[in-house]
């Protein structure tokens, strides 16, 4: 079977991280991409779950707290600067 070249665009930082990972796994970029494509063809789909970036429970709690703070600003103390906040919190 003849080989074909494929040109793709990828963020420099992402490429470097991928190369480091694949090197640690004993692969180069070409071998890793070929493994991905072979697995996709074998499974007739993307070989991993693609999902939306859903916030975890801690993030959801923080977002709910901010919403409550916006709805009831008088129930929460605000600070003009971080130094004052830390002095009050830490004593």
Protein backbone atom coordinates (compact mmCIF):
# COMPACT_ATOMS: atom_id res chain seq x y z
CA UNK A 1 0.00 0.00 0.00
CA UNK A 2 1.38 3.44 -0.95
CA UNK A 3 1.85 6.15 1.67
CA UNK A 4 0.22 9.57 1.41
CA UNK A 5 1.32 12.78 3.10
CA UNK A 6 -1.20 14.82 5.09
CA UNK A 7 -0.60 18.42 6.16
CA UNK A 8 -2.38 19.66 9.28
CA UNK A 9 -2.27 22.88 11.28
CA UNK A 10 -1.90 22.65 15.03
CA UNK A 11 -1.05 25.10 17.81
CA UNK A 12 2.70 25.11 18.54
CA UNK A 13 2.23 24.55 22.27
CA UNK A 14 -0.17 21.67 21.73
CA UNK A 15 2.21 20.07 19.23
CA UNK A 16 5.09 20.24 21.71
CA UNK A 17 2.99 18.70 24.49
CA UNK A 18 1.80 15.94 22.14
CA UNK A 19 5.35 15.20 20.99
CA UNK A 20 6.53 14.95 24.62
CA UNK A 21 3.66 12.58 25.45
CA UNK A 22 4.16 10.41 22.38
CA UNK A 23 7.92 10.25 22.96
CA UNK A 24 7.27 9.06 26.53
CA UNK A 25 5.00 6.39 25.04
CA UNK A 26 7.68 5.35 22.56
CA UNK A 27 5.87 6.85 19.56
CA UNK A 28 6.44 9.66 17.13
CA UNK A 29 3.74 12.00 15.85
CA UNK A 30 3.19 10.01 12.63
CA UNK A 31 2.76 6.71 14.47
CA UNK A 32 0.39 8.27 17.01
CA UNK A 33 -1.79 9.86 14.32
CA UNK A 34 -1.82 6.61 12.33
CA UNK A 35 -2.92 4.73 15.48
CA UNK A 36 -5.75 7.24 15.98
CA UNK A 37 -6.93 6.95 12.37
CA UNK A 38 -6.76 3.13 12.37
CA UNK A 39 -8.78 2.99 15.59
CA UNK A 40 -11.36 5.45 14.19
CA UNK A 41 -11.76 3.33 11.04
CA UNK A 42 -11.98 0.13 13.11
CA UNK A 43 -14.67 1.60 15.38
CA UNK A 44 -16.37 3.57 12.60
CA UNK A 45 -16.27 6.67 14.78
CA UNK A 46 -14.05 8.83 16.94
CA UNK A 47 -12.34 6.40 19.35
CA UNK A 48 -13.06 8.49 22.43
CA UNK A 49 -15.92 10.48 23.88
CA UNK A 50 -16.25 14.04 22.64
CA UNK A 51 -18.26 16.14 25.02
CA UNK A 52 -18.87 19.70 26.02
CA UNK A 53 -16.71 21.19 28.73
CA UNK A 54 -19.09 20.80 31.66
CA UNK A 55 -18.13 22.44 34.97
CA UNK A 56 -17.54 20.15 37.93
CA UNK A 57 -19.53 20.38 41.18
CA UNK A 58 -17.05 22.80 42.83
CA UNK A 59 -17.25 25.18 39.89
CA UNK A 60 -21.05 24.96 39.82
CA UNK A 61 -21.15 25.76 43.56
CA UNK A 62 -18.87 28.77 43.06
CA UNK A 63 -21.04 30.01 40.18
CA UNK A 64 -24.17 29.66 42.32
CA UNK A 65 -22.48 31.57 45.16
CA UNK A 66 -21.56 34.44 42.81
CA UNK A 67 -25.14 34.53 41.55
CA UNK A 68 -26.42 34.81 45.14
CA UNK A 69 -23.88 37.55 45.85
CA UNK A 70 -25.10 39.52 42.84
CA UNK A 71 -28.74 39.08 43.85
CA UNK A 72 -28.09 40.09 47.49
CA UNK A 73 -24.98 42.29 47.57
CA UNK A 74 -25.82 43.69 51.02
CA UNK A 75 -25.47 40.20 52.52
CA UNK A 76 -21.79 40.03 51.54
CA UNK A 77 -18.79 42.08 52.55
CA UNK A 78 -16.66 43.50 49.76
CA UNK A 79 -13.08 44.74 49.82
CA UNK A 80 -11.31 47.48 47.90
CA UNK A 81 -8.00 45.66 47.87
CA UNK A 82 -6.54 42.24 48.58
CA UNK A 83 -4.23 43.41 51.41
CA UNK A 84 -7.17 44.70 53.45
CA UNK A 85 -9.08 41.48 52.84
CA UNK A 86 -6.19 39.30 53.99
CA UNK A 87 -5.56 41.46 57.08
CA UNK A 88 -9.19 41.05 58.11
CA UNK A 89 -9.37 37.34 57.30
CA UNK A 90 -6.03 36.36 58.81
CA UNK A 91 -6.10 38.83 61.68
